[in-house]
Structures are given as structure tokens and as C-alpha cells.
């Protein structure tokens, strides 16, 4: 599956869940929800570095997936093609760092 297909699927699932729950992932709520998910991922980092307890790899994977889905929803809101911008940005980074 290509990134553009994943972006569409991610957007569609967010909208379907919103419809089912009577919610609305608009620009503001999507951004806030994205920050929440980053916080949940940060908690796993704190587990290792501050709390000195084992990280939950499954939870880390789920939080990264949640973040990606919400980023893709935000991209749709802004009418941004994730595949194009990622390819472009990787190319720029390679050029900048002579890789």
C-alpha cells in the first residue's frame, strides 16, 4: 500500500469514528488530540528514563500509529499530500547533508 492510500484510509477511519461517536476532528481538535498522543508516547520514554520501569513496546507502537493517523488527518484538513511532502523533504535533507 502506498502512503497516499494509507493517508486516505487514516482520514476515512477518523471520520467514520467521529460519525459514530458524534465527534469532529477538525483542525483544532485534531491538533489537540495529536498532542495527547505525543504525551502518551512521552510517558513511555519517561518510564525508561525517569521512572526506571520497563517500556511497553506494544503501547509505543500503538502511540506511534495513533500519531501517524492523526498527522494524516491533519494533512487532509490542510490538503497536504503526505507522500509528496515526505519524498520532497527526504530529498532536501539528503542534499543538505550531502547523503
PDB file of N, CA and C in Angstrom:
ATOM      1  N   UNK A   1       0.846  -1.175   0.000  1.00  0.00           N
ATOM      2  CA  UNK A   1       0.000   0.000   0.000  1.00  0.00           C
ATOM      3  C   UNK A   1       0.897   1.245   0.000  1.00  0.00           C
ATOM      4  N   UNK A   2       0.543   2.220  -0.795  1.00  0.00           N
ATOM      5  CA  UNK A   2       1.311   3.453  -0.879  1.00  0.00           C
ATOM      6  C   UNK A   2       0.862   4.431   0.205  1.00  0.00           C
ATOM      7  N   UNK A   3       1.716   5.413   0.474  1.00  0.00           N
ATOM      8  CA  UNK A   3       1.415   6.387   1.525  1.00  0.00           C
ATOM      9  C   UNK A   3       0.101   7.104   1.243  1.00  0.00           C
ATOM     10  N   UNK A   4      -0.160   7.458  -0.019  1.00  0.00           N
ATOM     11  CA  UNK A   4      -1.403   8.161  -0.344  1.00  0.00           C
ATOM     12  C   UNK A   4      -2.622   7.307   0.004  1.00  0.00           C
ATOM     13  N   UNK A   5      -2.501   5.996  -0.164  1.00  0.00           N
ATOM     14  CA  UNK A   5      -3.604   5.097   0.184  1.00  0.00           C
ATOM     15  C   UNK A   5      -3.778   5.015   1.698  1.00  0.00           C
ATOM     16  N   UNK A   6      -2.658   4.966   2.407  1.00  0.00           N
ATOM     17  CA  UNK A   6      -2.715   4.941   3.873  1.00  0.00           C
ATOM     18  C   UNK A   6      -3.296   6.250   4.391  1.00  0.00           C
ATOM     19  N   UNK A   7      -2.906   7.374   3.772  1.00  0.00           N
ATOM     20  CA  UNK A   7      -3.441   8.670   4.185  1.00  0.00           C
ATOM     21  C   UNK A   7      -4.959   8.699   4.020  1.00  0.00           C
ATOM     22  N   UNK A   8      -5.460   8.182   2.910  1.00  0.00           N
ATOM     23  CA  UNK A   8      -6.909   8.149   2.688  1.00  0.00           C
ATOM     24  C   UNK A   8      -7.589   7.253   3.721  1.00  0.00           C
ATOM     25  N   UNK A   9      -7.030   6.082   3.954  1.00  0.00           N
ATOM     26  CA  UNK A   9      -7.601   5.150   4.933  1.00  0.00           C
ATOM     27  C   UNK A   9      -7.609   5.764   6.336  1.00  0.00           C
ATOM     28  N   UNK A  10      -6.515   6.428   6.696  1.00  0.00           N
ATOM     29  CA  UNK A  10      -6.412   7.064   8.013  1.00  0.00           C
ATOM     30  C   UNK A  10      -7.477   8.141   8.164  1.00  0.00           C
ATOM     31  N   UNK A  11      -7.616   8.979   7.158  1.00  0.00           N
ATOM     32  CA  UNK A  11      -8.625  10.032   7.193  1.00  0.00           C
ATOM     33  C   UNK A  11     -10.029   9.436   7.276  1.00  0.00           C
ATOM     34  N   UNK A  12     -10.281   8.415   6.464  1.00  0.00           N
ATOM     35  CA  UNK A  12     -11.604   7.788   6.446  1.00  0.00           C
ATOM     36  C   UNK A  12     -11.965   7.178   7.798  1.00  0.00           C
ATOM     37  N   UNK A  13     -11.014   6.529   8.457  1.00  0.00           N
ATOM     38  CA  UNK A  13     -11.322   5.899   9.742  1.00  0.00           C
ATOM     39  C   UNK A  13     -11.582   6.941  10.812  1.00  0.00           C
ATOM     40  N   UNK A  14     -10.824   8.031  10.800  1.00  0.00           N
ATOM     41  CA  UNK A  14     -11.069   9.103  11.774  1.00  0.00           C
ATOM     42  C   UNK A  14     -12.473   9.669  11.566  1.00  0.00           C
ATOM     43  N   UNK A  15     -12.839   9.918  10.318  1.00  0.00           N
ATOM     44  CA  UNK A  15     -14.171  10.459  10.035  1.00  0.00           C
ATOM     45  C   UNK A  15     -15.272   9.466  10.395  1.00  0.00           C
ATOM     46  N   UNK A  16     -15.048   8.177  10.154  1.00  0.00           N
ATOM     47  CA  UNK A  16     -16.044   7.151  10.494  1.00  0.00           C
ATOM     48  C   UNK A  16     -16.241   7.063  12.008  1.00  0.00           C
ATOM     49  N   UNK A  17     -15.144   7.085  12.758  1.00  0.00           N
ATOM     50  CA  UNK A  17     -15.238   7.047  14.221  1.00  0.00           C
ATOM     51  C   UNK A  17     -15.924   8.315  14.725  1.00  0.00           C
ATOM     52  N   UNK A  18     -15.565   9.456  14.148  1.00  0.00           N
ATOM     53  CA  UNK A  18     -16.220  10.716  14.513  1.00  0.00           C
ATOM     54  C   UNK A  18     -17.726  10.619  14.309  1.00  0.00           C
ATOM     55  N   UNK A  19     -18.126  10.077  13.169  1.00  0.00           N
ATOM     56  CA  UNK A  19     -19.546   9.946  12.854  1.00  0.00           C
ATOM     57  C   UNK A  19     -20.249   9.050  13.870  1.00  0.00           C
ATOM     58  N   UNK A  20     -19.609   7.965  14.216  1.00  0.00           N
ATOM     59  CA  UNK A  20     -20.181   7.008  15.174  1.00  0.00           C
ATOM     60  C   UNK A  20     -20.311   7.626  16.561  1.00  0.00           C
ATOM     61  N   UNK A  21     -19.304   8.427  16.960  1.00  0.00           N
ATOM     62  CA  UNK A  21     -19.286   8.985  18.314  1.00  0.00           C
ATOM     63  C   UNK A  21     -19.871  10.399  18.398  1.00  0.00           C
ATOM     64  N   UNK A  22     -20.240  10.961  17.256  1.00  0.00           N
ATOM     65  CA  UNK A  22     -20.734  12.336  17.251  1.00  0.00           C
ATOM     66  C   UNK A  22     -19.633  13.345  17.536  1.00  0.00           C
ATOM     67  N   UNK A  23     -18.418  13.016  17.135  1.00  0.00           N
ATOM     68  CA  UNK A  23     -17.260  13.887  17.365  1.00  0.00           C
ATOM     69  C   UNK A  23     -16.907  14.613  16.070  1.00  0.00           C
ATOM     70  N   UNK A  24     -15.881  15.461  16.138  1.00  0.00           N
ATOM     71  CA  UNK A  24     -15.444  16.198  14.961  1.00  0.00           C
ATOM     72  C   UNK A  24     -13.954  16.493  15.065  1.00  0.00           C
ATOM     73  N   UNK A  25     -13.167  15.748  14.301  1.00  0.00           N
ATOM     74  CA  UNK A  25     -11.728  16.007  14.260  1.00  0.00           C
ATOM     75  C   UNK A  25     -11.456  17.105  13.237  1.00  0.00           C
ATOM     76  N   UNK A  26     -11.746  18.336  13.635  1.00  0.00           N
ATOM     77  CA  UNK A  26     -11.423  19.478  12.790  1.00  0.00           C
ATOM     78  C   UNK A  26      -9.974  19.877  13.055  1.00  0.00           C
ATOM     79  N   UNK A  27      -9.571  21.021  12.535  1.00  0.00           N
ATOM     80  CA  UNK A  27      -8.172  21.456  12.678  1.00  0.00           C
ATOM     81  C   UNK A  27      -7.752  21.524  14.150  1.00  0.00           C
ATOM     82  N   UNK A  28      -8.558  22.173  14.968  1.00  0.00           N
ATOM     83  CA  UNK A  28      -8.200  22.365  16.381  1.00  0.00           C
ATOM     84  C   UNK A  28      -8.226  21.057  17.166  1.00  0.00           C
ATOM     85  N   UNK A  29      -9.310  20.300  17.047  1.00  0.00           N
ATOM     86  CA  UNK A  29      -9.423  19.074  17.845  1.00  0.00           C
ATOM     87  C   UNK A  29      -8.415  18.019  17.406  1.00  0.00           C
ATOM     88  N   UNK A  30      -8.114  17.983  16.121  1.00  0.00           N
ATOM     89  CA  UNK A  30      -7.111  17.024  15.642  1.00  0.00           C
ATOM     90  C   UNK A  30      -5.744  17.369  16.208  1.00  0.00           C
ATOM     91  N   UNK A  31      -5.408  18.645  16.202  1.00  0.00           N
ATOM     92  CA  UNK A  31      -4.122  19.073  16.735  1.00  0.00           C
ATOM     93  C   UNK A  31      -4.019  18.760  18.235  1.00  0.00           C
ATOM     94  N   UNK A  32      -5.072  19.042  18.978  1.00  0.00           N
ATOM     95  CA  UNK A  32      -5.070  18.758  20.418  1.00  0.00           C
ATOM     96  C   UNK A  32      -4.961  17.257  20.671  1.00  0.00           C
ATOM     97  N   UNK A  33      -5.707  16.466  19.912  1.00  0.00           N
ATOM     98  CA  UNK A  33      -5.651  15.011  20.060  1.00  0.00           C
ATOM     99  C   UNK A  33      -4.253  14.494  19.721  1.00  0.00           C
ATOM    100  N   UNK A  34      -3.633  15.092  18.703  1.00  0.00           N
ATOM    101  CA  UNK A  34      -2.270  14.725  18.332  1.00  0.00           C
ATOM    102  C   UNK A  34      -1.304  14.982  19.492  1.00  0.00           C
ATOM    103  N   UNK A  35      -1.448  16.121  20.145  1.00  0.00           N
ATOM    104  CA  UNK A  35      -0.606  16.425  21.308  1.00  0.00           C
ATOM    105  C   UNK A  35      -0.828  15.423  22.434  1.00  0.00           C
ATOM    106  N   UNK A  36      -2.066  15.019  22.644  1.00  0.00           N
ATOM    107  CA  UNK A  36      -2.354  13.995  23.657  1.00  0.00           C
ATOM    108  C   UNK A  36      -1.604  12.707  23.353  1.00  0.00           C
ATOM    109  N   UNK A  37      -1.637  12.300  22.094  1.00  0.00           N
ATOM    110  CA  UNK A  37      -0.961  11.057  21.702  1.00  0.00           C
ATOM    111  C   UNK A  37       0.556  11.173  21.872  1.00  0.00           C
ATOM    112  N   UNK A  38       1.123  12.338  21.562  1.00  0.00           N
ATOM    113  CA  UNK A  38       2.549  12.547  21.813  1.00  0.00           C
ATOM    114  C   UNK A  38       2.840  12.440  23.307  1.00  0.00           C
ATOM    115  N   UNK A  39       1.929  12.938  24.128  1.00  0.00           N
ATOM    116  CA  UNK A  39       2.085  12.827  25.575  1.00  0.00           C
ATOM    117  C   UNK A  39       2.101  11.383  26.032  1.00  0.00           C
ATOM    118  N   UNK A  40       1.249  10.569  25.428  1.00  0.00           N
ATOM    119  CA  UNK A  40       1.225   9.148  25.785  1.00  0.00           C
ATOM    120  C   UNK A  40       2.522   8.454  25.370  1.00  0.00           C
ATOM    121  N   UNK A  41       3.072   8.855  24.232  1.00  0.00           N
ATOM    122  CA  UNK A  41       4.357   8.313  23.813  1.00  0.00           C
ATOM    123  C   UNK A  41       5.468   8.795  24.744  1.00  0.00           C
ATOM    124  N   UNK A  42       5.396  10.056  25.156  1.00  0.00           N
ATOM    125  CA  UNK A  42       6.387  10.610  26.084  1.00  0.00           C
ATOM    126  C   UNK A  42       6.359   9.863  27.416  1.00  0.00           C
ATOM    127  N   UNK A  43       5.175   9.438  27.834  1.00  0.00           N
ATOM    128  CA  UNK A  43       5.072   8.684  29.082  1.00  0.00           C
ATOM    129  C   UNK A  43       5.901   7.407  29.005  1.00  0.00           C
ATOM    130  N   UNK A  44       5.902   6.758  27.847  1.00  0.00           N
ATOM    131  CA  UNK A  44       6.711   5.547  27.692  1.00  0.00           C
ATOM    132  C   UNK A  44       8.197   5.874  27.779  1.00  0.00           C
ATOM    133  N   UNK A  45       8.603   6.998  27.240  1.00  0.00           N
ATOM    134  CA  UNK A  45      10.005   7.421  27.356  1.00  0.00           C
ATOM    135  C   UNK A  45      10.341   7.672  28.827  1.00  0.00           C
ATOM    136  N   UNK A  46       9.435   8.342  29.532  1.00  0.00           N
ATOM    137  CA  UNK A  46       9.652   8.611  30.959  1.00  0.00           C
ATOM    138  C   UNK A  46       9.722   7.331  31.772  1.00  0.00           C
ATOM    139  N   UNK A  47       8.974   6.323  31.349  1.00  0.00           N
ATOM    140  CA  UNK A  47       9.036   5.047  32.069  1.00  0.00           C
ATOM    141  C   UNK A  47      10.468   4.544  32.137  1.00  0.00           C
ATOM    142  N   UNK A  48      11.177   4.674  31.037  1.00  0.00           N
ATOM    143  CA  UNK A  48      12.555   4.175  30.983  1.00  0.00           C
ATOM    144  C   UNK A  48      13.526   5.134  31.652  1.00  0.00           C
ATOM    145  N   UNK A  49      13.444   6.425  31.332  1.00  0.00           N
ATOM    146  CA  UNK A  49      14.479   7.359  31.763  1.00  0.00           C
ATOM    147  C   UNK A  49      14.249   7.957  33.145  1.00  0.00           C
ATOM    148  N   UNK A  50      13.006   8.109  33.553  1.00  0.00           N
ATOM    149  CA  UNK A  50      12.735   8.751  34.841  1.00  0.00           C
ATOM    150  C   UNK A  50      12.232   7.749  35.873  1.00  0.00           C
ATOM    151  N   UNK A  51      11.254   6.974  35.476  1.00  0.00           N
ATOM    152  CA  UNK A  51      10.632   6.042  36.435  1.00  0.00           C
ATOM    153  C   UNK A  51      11.410   4.744  36.598  1.00  0.00           C
ATOM    154  N   UNK A  52      12.348   4.535  35.683  1.00  0.00           N
ATOM    155  CA  UNK A  52      13.196   3.333  35.718  1.00  0.00           C
ATOM    156  C   UNK A  52      12.372   2.047  35.688  1.00  0.00           C
ATOM    157  N   UNK A  53      11.267   2.089  34.923  1.00  0.00           N
ATOM    158  CA  UNK A  53      10.483   0.869  34.711  1.00  0.00           C
ATOM    159  C   UNK A  53      10.492   0.541  33.224  1.00  0.00           C
ATOM    160  N   UNK A  54      10.165  -0.683  32.932  1.00  0.00           N
ATOM    161  CA  UNK A  54      10.241  -1.167  31.565  1.00  0.00           C
ATOM    162  C   UNK A  54       9.228  -0.465  30.660  1.00  0.00           C
ATOM    163  N   UNK A  55       9.672  -0.168  29.440  1.00  0.00           N
ATOM    164  CA  UNK A  55       8.771   0.401  28.451  1.00  0.00           C
ATOM    165  C   UNK A  55       7.856  -0.691  27.895  1.00  0.00           C
ATOM    166  N   UNK A  56       6.665  -0.296  27.494  1.00  0.00           N
ATOM    167  CA  UNK A  56       5.708  -1.210  26.884  1.00  0.00           C
ATOM    168  C   UNK A  56       5.793  -1.036  25.368  1.00  0.00           C
ATOM    169  N   UNK A  57       6.527  -1.951  24.711  1.00  0.00           N
ATOM    170  CA  UNK A  57       6.757  -1.830  23.266  1.00  0.00           C
ATOM    171  C   UNK A  57       5.457  -1.819  22.483  1.00  0.00           C
ATOM    172  N   UNK A  58       4.499  -2.620  22.885  1.00  0.00           N
ATOM    173  CA  UNK A  58       3.212  -2.644  22.193  1.00  0.00           C
ATOM    174  C   UNK A  58       2.530  -1.284  22.286  1.00  0.00           C
ATOM    175  N   UNK A  59       2.587  -0.658  23.464  1.00  0.00           N
ATOM    176  CA  UNK A  59       1.990   0.660  23.627  1.00  0.00           C
ATOM    177  C   UNK A  59       2.736   1.698  22.798  1.00  0.00           C
ATOM    178  N   UNK A  60       4.051   1.608  22.746  1.00  0.00           N
ATOM    179  CA  UNK A  60       4.851   2.530  21.932  1.00  0.00           C
ATOM    180  C   UNK A  60       4.416   2.429  20.471  1.00  0.00           C
ATOM    181  N   UNK A  61       4.269   1.214  19.980  1.00  0.00           N
ATOM    182  CA  UNK A  61       3.842   1.012  18.598  1.00  0.00           C
ATOM    183  C   UNK A  61       2.452   1.607  18.355  1.00  0.00           C
ATOM    184  N   UNK A  62       1.541   1.390  19.298  1.00  0.00           N
ATOM    185  CA  UNK A  62       0.185   1.916  19.159  1.00  0.00           C
ATOM    186  C   UNK A  62       0.170   3.437  19.164  1.00  0.00           C
ATOM    187  N   UNK A  63       0.963   4.044  20.030  1.00  0.00           N
ATOM    188  CA  UNK A  63       1.003   5.506  20.099  1.00  0.00           C
ATOM    189  C   UNK A  63       1.608   6.096  18.826  1.00  0.00           C
ATOM    190  N   UNK A  64       2.649   5.460  18.288  1.00  0.00           N
ATOM    191  CA  UNK A  64       3.229   5.931  17.028  1.00  0.00           C
ATOM    192  C   UNK A  64       2.198   5.816  15.908  1.00  0.00           C
ATOM    193  N   UNK A  65       1.435   4.735  15.893  1.00  0.00           N
ATOM    194  CA  UNK A  65       0.375   4.578  14.885  1.00  0.00           C
ATOM    195  C   UNK A  65      -0.698   5.644  15.063  1.00  0.00           C
ATOM    196  N   UNK A  66      -1.115   5.896  16.312  1.00  0.00           N
ATOM    197  CA  UNK A  66      -2.120   6.941  16.571  1.00  0.00           C
ATOM    198  C   UNK A  66      -1.625   8.302  16.084  1.00  0.00           C
ATOM    199  N   UNK A  67      -0.369   8.602  16.377  1.00  0.00           N
ATOM    200  CA  UNK A  67       0.222   9.873  15.948  1.00  0.00           C
ATOM    201  C   UNK A  67       0.220   9.977  14.426  1.00  0.00           C
ATOM    202  N   UNK A  68       0.600   8.908  13.765  1.00  0.00           N
ATOM    203  CA  UNK A  68       0.649   8.905  12.303  1.00  0.00           C
ATOM    204  C   UNK A  68      -0.738   9.100  11.700  1.00  0.00           C
ATOM    205  N   UNK A  69      -1.732   8.409  12.247  1.00  0.00           N
ATOM    206  CA  UNK A  69      -3.105   8.550  11.754  1.00  0.00           C
ATOM    207  C   UNK A  69      -3.583   9.991  11.919  1.00  0.00           C
ATOM    208  N   UNK A  70      -3.325  10.570  13.070  1.00  0.00           N
ATOM    209  CA  UNK A  70      -3.763  11.952  13.302  1.00  0.00           C
ATOM    210  C   UNK A  70      -2.987  12.946  12.449  1.00  0.00           C
ATOM    211  N   UNK A  71      -1.697  12.696  12.212  1.00  0.00           N
ATOM    212  CA  UNK A  71      -0.935  13.551  11.302  1.00  0.00           C
ATOM    213  C   UNK A  71      -1.528  13.495   9.894  1.00  0.00           C
ATOM    214  N   UNK A  72      -1.939  12.312   9.491  1.00  0.00           N
ATOM    215  CA  UNK A  72      -2.526  12.162   8.167  1.00  0.00           C
ATOM    216  C   UNK A  72      -3.891  12.840   8.095  1.00  0.00           C
ATOM    217  N   UNK A  73      -4.649  12.802   9.171  1.00  0.00           N
ATOM    218  CA  UNK A  73      -5.923  13.532   9.212  1.00  0.00           C
ATOM    219  C   UNK A  73      -5.648  15.027   9.101  1.00  0.00           C
ATOM    220  N   UNK A  74      -4.660  15.511   9.840  1.00  0.00           N
ATOM    221  CA  UNK A  74      -4.298  16.922   9.784  1.00  0.00           C
ATOM    222  C   UNK A  74      -3.836  17.311   8.369  1.00  0.00           C
ATOM    223  N   UNK A  75      -3.086  16.425   7.728  1.00  0.00           N
ATOM    224  CA  UNK A  75      -2.655  16.673   6.348  1.00  0.00           C
ATOM    225  C   UNK A  75      -3.862  16.815   5.439  1.00  0.00           C
ATOM    226  N   UNK A  76      -4.872  15.977   5.632  1.00  0.00           N
ATOM    227  CA  UNK A  76      -6.082  16.089   4.815  1.00  0.00           C
ATOM    228  C   UNK A  76      -6.792  17.404   5.063  1.00  0.00           C
ATOM    229  N   UNK A  77      -6.858  17.808   6.316  1.00  0.00           N
ATOM    230  CA  UNK A  77      -7.501  19.086   6.644  1.00  0.00           C
ATOM    231  C   UNK A  77      -6.815  20.225   5.900  1.00  0.00           C
ATOM    232  N   UNK A  78      -5.481  20.191   5.838  1.00  0.00           N
ATOM    233  CA  UNK A  78      -4.706  21.238   5.173  1.00  0.00           C
ATOM    234  C   UNK A  78      -4.502  20.969   3.674  1.00  0.00           C
ATOM    235  N   UNK A  79      -5.114  19.878   3.185  1.00  0.00           N
ATOM    236  CA  UNK A  79      -4.989  19.491   1.778  1.00  0.00           C
ATOM    237  C   UNK A  79      -3.523  19.284   1.387  1.00  0.00           C
ATOM    238  N   UNK A  80      -2.820  18.511   2.205  1.00  0.00           N
ATOM    239  CA  UNK A  80      -1.400  18.209   2.006  1.00  0.00           C
ATOM    240  C   UNK A  80      -1.261  16.739   1.623  1.00  0.00           C
ATOM    241  N   UNK A  81      -0.503  16.475   0.576  1.00  0.00           N
ATOM    242  CA  UNK A  81      -0.229  15.116   0.147  1.00  0.00           C
ATOM    243  C   UNK A  81       1.012  14.627   0.887  1.00  0.00           C
ATOM    244  N   UNK A  82       0.802  13.741   1.861  1.00  0.00           N
ATOM    245  CA  UNK A  82       1.904  13.255   2.695  1.00  0.00           C
ATOM    246  C   UNK A  82       3.009  12.601   1.870  1.00  0.00           C
ATOM    247  N   UNK A  83       2.628  11.817   0.893  1.00  0.00           N
ATOM    248  CA  UNK A  83       3.625  11.121   0.078  1.00  0.00           C
ATOM    249  C   UNK A  83       4.543  12.128  -0.615  1.00  0.00           C
ATOM    250  N   UNK A  84       3.959  13.139  -1.225  1.00  0.00           N
ATOM    251  CA  UNK A  84       4.757  14.145  -1.934  1.00  0.00           C
ATOM    252  C   UNK A  84       5.667  14.922  -0.988  1.00  0.00           C
ATOM    253  N   UNK A  85       5.128  15.349   0.148  1.00  0.00           N
ATOM    254  CA  UNK A  85       5.956  16.169   1.038  1.00  0.00           C
ATOM    255  C   UNK A  85       7.062  15.358   1.698  1.00  0.00           C
ATOM    256  N   UNK A  86       6.798  14.082   1.980  1.00  0.00           N
ATOM    257  CA  UNK A  86       7.846  13.239   2.571  1.00  0.00           C
ATOM    258  C   UNK A  86       8.970  12.988   1.577  1.00  0.00           C
ATOM    259  N   UNK A  87       8.613  12.678   0.351  1.00  0.00           N
ATOM    260  CA  UNK A  87       9.629  12.452  -0.680  1.00  0.00           C
ATOM    261  C   UNK A  87      10.449  13.721  -0.882  1.00  0.00           C
ATOM    262  N   UNK A  88       9.766  14.856  -0.957  1.00  0.00           N
ATOM    263  CA  UNK A  88      10.451  16.138  -1.142  1.00  0.00           C
ATOM    264  C   UNK A  88      11.376  16.448   0.032  1.00  0.00           C
ATOM    265  N   UNK A  89      10.890  16.259   1.250  1.00  0.00           N
ATOM    266  CA  UNK A  89      11.690  16.589   2.438  1.00  0.00           C
ATOM    267  C   UNK A  89      12.907  15.673   2.559  1.00  0.00           C
ATOM    268  N   UNK A  90      12.725  14.385   2.294  1.00  0.00           N
ATOM    269  CA  UNK A  90      13.857  13.448   2.346  1.00  0.00           C
ATOM    270  C   UNK A  90      14.914  13.856   1.325  1.00  0.00           C
ATOM    271  N   UNK A  91      14.476  14.238   0.136  1.00  0.00           N
ATOM    272  CA  UNK A  91      15.404  14.688  -0.903  1.00  0.00           C
ATOM    273  C   UNK A  91      16.173  15.933  -0.452  1.00  0.00           C
ATOM    274  N   UNK A  92      15.477  16.894   0.142  1.00  0.00           N
ATOM    275  CA  UNK A  92      16.129  18.109   0.635  1.00  0.00           C
ATOM    276  C   UNK A  92      17.141  17.803   1.737  1.00  0.00           C
ATOM    277  N   UNK A  93      16.787  16.887   2.629  1.00  0.00           N
ATOM    278  CA  UNK A  93      17.705  16.521   3.716  1.00  0.00           C
ATOM    279  C   UNK A  93      18.946  15.828   3.179  1.00  0.00           C
ATOM    280  N   UNK A  94      18.755  14.969   2.192  1.00  0.00           N
ATOM    281  CA  UNK A  94      19.910  14.308   1.567  1.00  0.00           C
ATOM    282  C   UNK A  94      20.843  15.326   0.933  1.00  0.00           C
ATOM    283  N   UNK A  95      20.234  16.292   0.233  1.00  0.00           N
ATOM    284  CA  UNK A  95      21.048  17.329  -0.410  1.00  0.00           C
ATOM    285  C   UNK A  95      21.759  18.187   0.629  1.00  0.00           C
ATOM    286  N   UNK A  96      21.029  18.617   1.643  1.00  0.00           N
ATOM    287  CA  UNK A  96      21.593  19.488   2.679  1.00  0.00           C
ATOM    288  C   UNK A  96      22.755  18.812   3.402  1.00  0.00           C
ATOM    289  N   UNK A  97      22.623  17.523   3.681  1.00  0.00           N
ATOM    290  CA  UNK A  97      23.626  16.821   4.460  1.00  0.00           C
ATOM    291  C   UNK A  97      24.560  15.982   3.581  1.00  0.00           C
ATOM    292  N   UNK A  98      24.437  16.191   2.275  1.00  0.00           N
ATOM    293  CA  UNK A  98      25.302  15.511   1.294  1.00  0.00           C
ATOM    294  C   UNK A  98      25.323  13.999   1.495  1.00  0.00           C
ATOM    295  N   UNK A  99      24.137  13.436   1.524  1.00  0.00           N
ATOM    296  CA  UNK A  99      23.998  11.973   1.728  1.00  0.00           C
ATOM    297  C   UNK A  99      23.645  11.279   0.435  1.00  0.00           C
TER     298      UNK A  99
END
